[in-house]
Amino acid sequence: MKSLSIRIEPELLDKLHIVADYEGRSANSQILILIRRCVEQYEKEHGEIELGRK
């Protein structure tokens, strides 16, 4: 698995932790769920993303 570093405002990070705690997840797991939903929505609207193309 690869890692990704992001910059995030402290207040937004604090809110993310609250949401993740409520859902019983770590902040990392919550972010992965949100990213997956984003990709799924994109593919629903635009078709499956084909990897290997630039």
N, C-alpha and C. Protein backbone atom coordinates (compact mmCIF):
# COMPACT_ATOMS: atom_id res chain seq x y z
N MET A 1 0.85 -1.17 0.00
CA MET A 1 0.00 0.00 0.00
C MET A 1 0.89 1.24 0.00
N LYS A 2 0.51 2.24 -0.76
CA LYS A 2 1.27 3.49 -0.82
C LYS A 2 0.74 4.47 0.23
N SER A 3 1.57 5.43 0.57
CA SER A 3 1.12 6.47 1.50
C SER A 3 1.02 7.79 0.76
N LEU A 4 0.22 8.68 1.33
CA LEU A 4 -0.03 9.99 0.75
C LEU A 4 -0.02 11.01 1.87
N SER A 5 0.70 12.07 1.69
CA SER A 5 0.75 13.14 2.68
C SER A 5 -0.12 14.29 2.18
N ILE A 6 -0.95 14.85 3.06
CA ILE A 6 -1.79 15.99 2.67
C ILE A 6 -1.62 17.12 3.68
N ARG A 7 -1.92 18.31 3.22
CA ARG A 7 -1.96 19.47 4.11
C ARG A 7 -3.43 19.74 4.40
N ILE A 8 -3.74 19.95 5.67
CA ILE A 8 -5.13 20.17 6.07
C ILE A 8 -5.16 21.16 7.23
N GLU A 9 -6.14 22.04 7.20
CA GLU A 9 -6.28 23.02 8.26
C GLU A 9 -6.57 22.30 9.58
N PRO A 10 -6.01 22.79 10.68
CA PRO A 10 -6.20 22.13 11.98
C PRO A 10 -7.68 21.95 12.36
N GLU A 11 -8.51 22.95 12.10
CA GLU A 11 -9.92 22.85 12.45
C GLU A 11 -10.62 21.74 11.65
N LEU A 12 -10.30 21.65 10.36
CA LEU A 12 -10.90 20.61 9.53
C LEU A 12 -10.42 19.23 9.98
N LEU A 13 -9.16 19.10 10.34
CA LEU A 13 -8.64 17.83 10.84
C LEU A 13 -9.33 17.43 12.14
N ASP A 14 -9.52 18.39 13.03
CA ASP A 14 -10.24 18.10 14.29
C ASP A 14 -11.65 17.60 13.99
N LYS A 15 -12.32 18.23 13.04
CA LYS A 15 -13.68 17.81 12.67
C LYS A 15 -13.67 16.42 12.05
N LEU A 16 -12.67 16.14 11.22
CA LEU A 16 -12.55 14.82 10.62
C LEU A 16 -12.41 13.76 11.70
N HIS A 17 -11.60 14.02 12.72
CA HIS A 17 -11.43 13.07 13.81
C HIS A 17 -12.74 12.84 14.55
N ILE A 18 -13.54 13.86 14.72
CA ILE A 18 -14.83 13.71 15.40
C ILE A 18 -15.76 12.82 14.58
N VAL A 19 -15.82 13.07 13.27
CA VAL A 19 -16.67 12.25 12.39
C VAL A 19 -16.17 10.80 12.38
N ALA A 20 -14.88 10.62 12.25
CA ALA A 20 -14.31 9.27 12.22
C ALA A 20 -14.59 8.54 13.53
N ASP A 21 -14.40 9.21 14.66
CA ASP A 21 -14.69 8.60 15.96
C ASP A 21 -16.16 8.18 16.06
N TYR A 22 -17.04 9.04 15.59
CA TYR A 22 -18.47 8.73 15.61
C TYR A 22 -18.77 7.48 14.79
N GLU A 23 -18.09 7.33 13.65
CA GLU A 23 -18.29 6.19 12.77
C GLU A 23 -17.50 4.96 13.24
N GLY A 24 -16.70 5.11 14.29
CA GLY A 24 -15.91 4.00 14.81
C GLY A 24 -14.71 3.67 13.93
N ARG A 25 -14.16 4.69 13.29
CA ARG A 25 -13.04 4.50 12.39
C ARG A 25 -11.89 5.42 12.76
N SER A 26 -10.72 5.10 12.23
CA SER A 26 -9.60 6.03 12.33
C SER A 26 -9.80 7.12 11.28
N ALA A 27 -9.08 8.21 11.43
CA ALA A 27 -9.15 9.27 10.42
C ALA A 27 -8.69 8.74 9.07
N ASN A 28 -7.66 7.91 9.06
CA ASN A 28 -7.16 7.33 7.81
C ASN A 28 -8.24 6.50 7.12
N SER A 29 -8.91 5.65 7.87
CA SER A 29 -9.98 4.82 7.30
C SER A 29 -11.12 5.68 6.77
N GLN A 30 -11.45 6.73 7.49
CA GLN A 30 -12.52 7.63 7.05
C GLN A 30 -12.15 8.30 5.74
N ILE A 31 -10.91 8.74 5.62
CA ILE A 31 -10.45 9.38 4.38
C ILE A 31 -10.52 8.39 3.22
N LEU A 32 -10.10 7.14 3.44
CA LEU A 32 -10.15 6.14 2.38
C LEU A 32 -11.59 5.91 1.91
N ILE A 33 -12.53 5.86 2.84
CA ILE A 33 -13.93 5.69 2.47
C ILE A 33 -14.40 6.86 1.62
N LEU A 34 -14.04 8.07 2.01
CA LEU A 34 -14.45 9.25 1.26
C LEU A 34 -13.84 9.27 -0.14
N ILE A 35 -12.59 8.87 -0.26
CA ILE A 35 -11.93 8.81 -1.56
C ILE A 35 -12.61 7.76 -2.44
N ARG A 36 -12.89 6.59 -1.87
CA ARG A 36 -13.56 5.54 -2.65
C ARG A 36 -14.92 6.02 -3.16
N ARG A 37 -15.68 6.69 -2.30
CA ARG A 37 -16.99 7.23 -2.72
C ARG A 37 -16.83 8.23 -3.86
N CYS A 38 -15.81 9.07 -3.76
CA CYS A 38 -15.55 10.06 -4.80
C CYS A 38 -15.26 9.38 -6.13
N VAL A 39 -14.39 8.36 -6.11
CA VAL A 39 -14.03 7.65 -7.34
C VAL A 39 -15.26 6.91 -7.89
N GLU A 40 -16.03 6.26 -7.03
CA GLU A 40 -17.23 5.56 -7.47
C GLU A 40 -18.21 6.52 -8.14
N GLN A 41 -18.40 7.70 -7.57
CA GLN A 41 -19.31 8.69 -8.14
C GLN A 41 -18.79 9.16 -9.49
N TYR A 42 -17.50 9.41 -9.59
CA TYR A 42 -16.91 9.84 -10.85
C TYR A 42 -17.14 8.77 -11.92
N GLU A 43 -16.85 7.51 -11.57
CA GLU A 43 -17.01 6.43 -12.55
C GLU A 43 -18.48 6.22 -12.92
N LYS A 44 -19.37 6.45 -12.00
CA LYS A 44 -20.80 6.35 -12.29
C LYS A 44 -21.21 7.38 -13.34
N GLU A 45 -20.64 8.56 -13.24
CA GLU A 45 -20.99 9.64 -14.17
C GLU A 45 -20.20 9.61 -15.47
N HIS A 46 -18.95 9.11 -15.42
CA HIS A 46 -18.06 9.23 -16.58
C HIS A 46 -17.56 7.90 -17.12
N GLY A 47 -17.92 6.80 -16.50
CA GLY A 47 -17.43 5.50 -16.91
C GLY A 47 -16.20 5.10 -16.12
N GLU A 48 -15.90 3.82 -16.21
CA GLU A 48 -14.78 3.28 -15.44
C GLU A 48 -13.46 3.92 -15.84
N ILE A 49 -12.66 4.22 -14.86
CA ILE A 49 -11.34 4.80 -15.09
C ILE A 49 -10.41 3.67 -15.51
N GLU A 50 -9.78 3.83 -16.65
CA GLU A 50 -8.82 2.82 -17.12
C GLU A 50 -7.43 3.23 -16.67
N LEU A 51 -6.79 2.37 -15.90
CA LEU A 51 -5.46 2.66 -15.41
C LEU A 51 -4.42 2.29 -16.46
N GLY A 52 -3.26 2.91 -16.37
CA GLY A 52 -2.20 2.64 -17.32
C GLY A 52 -2.14 3.67 -18.43
N ARG A 53 -3.17 4.49 -18.53
CA ARG A 53 -3.16 5.59 -19.50
C ARG A 53 -2.81 6.87 -18.78
N LYS A 54 -2.16 7.77 -19.47
CA LYS A 54 -1.81 9.06 -18.86
C LYS A 54 -2.58 10.16 -19.53
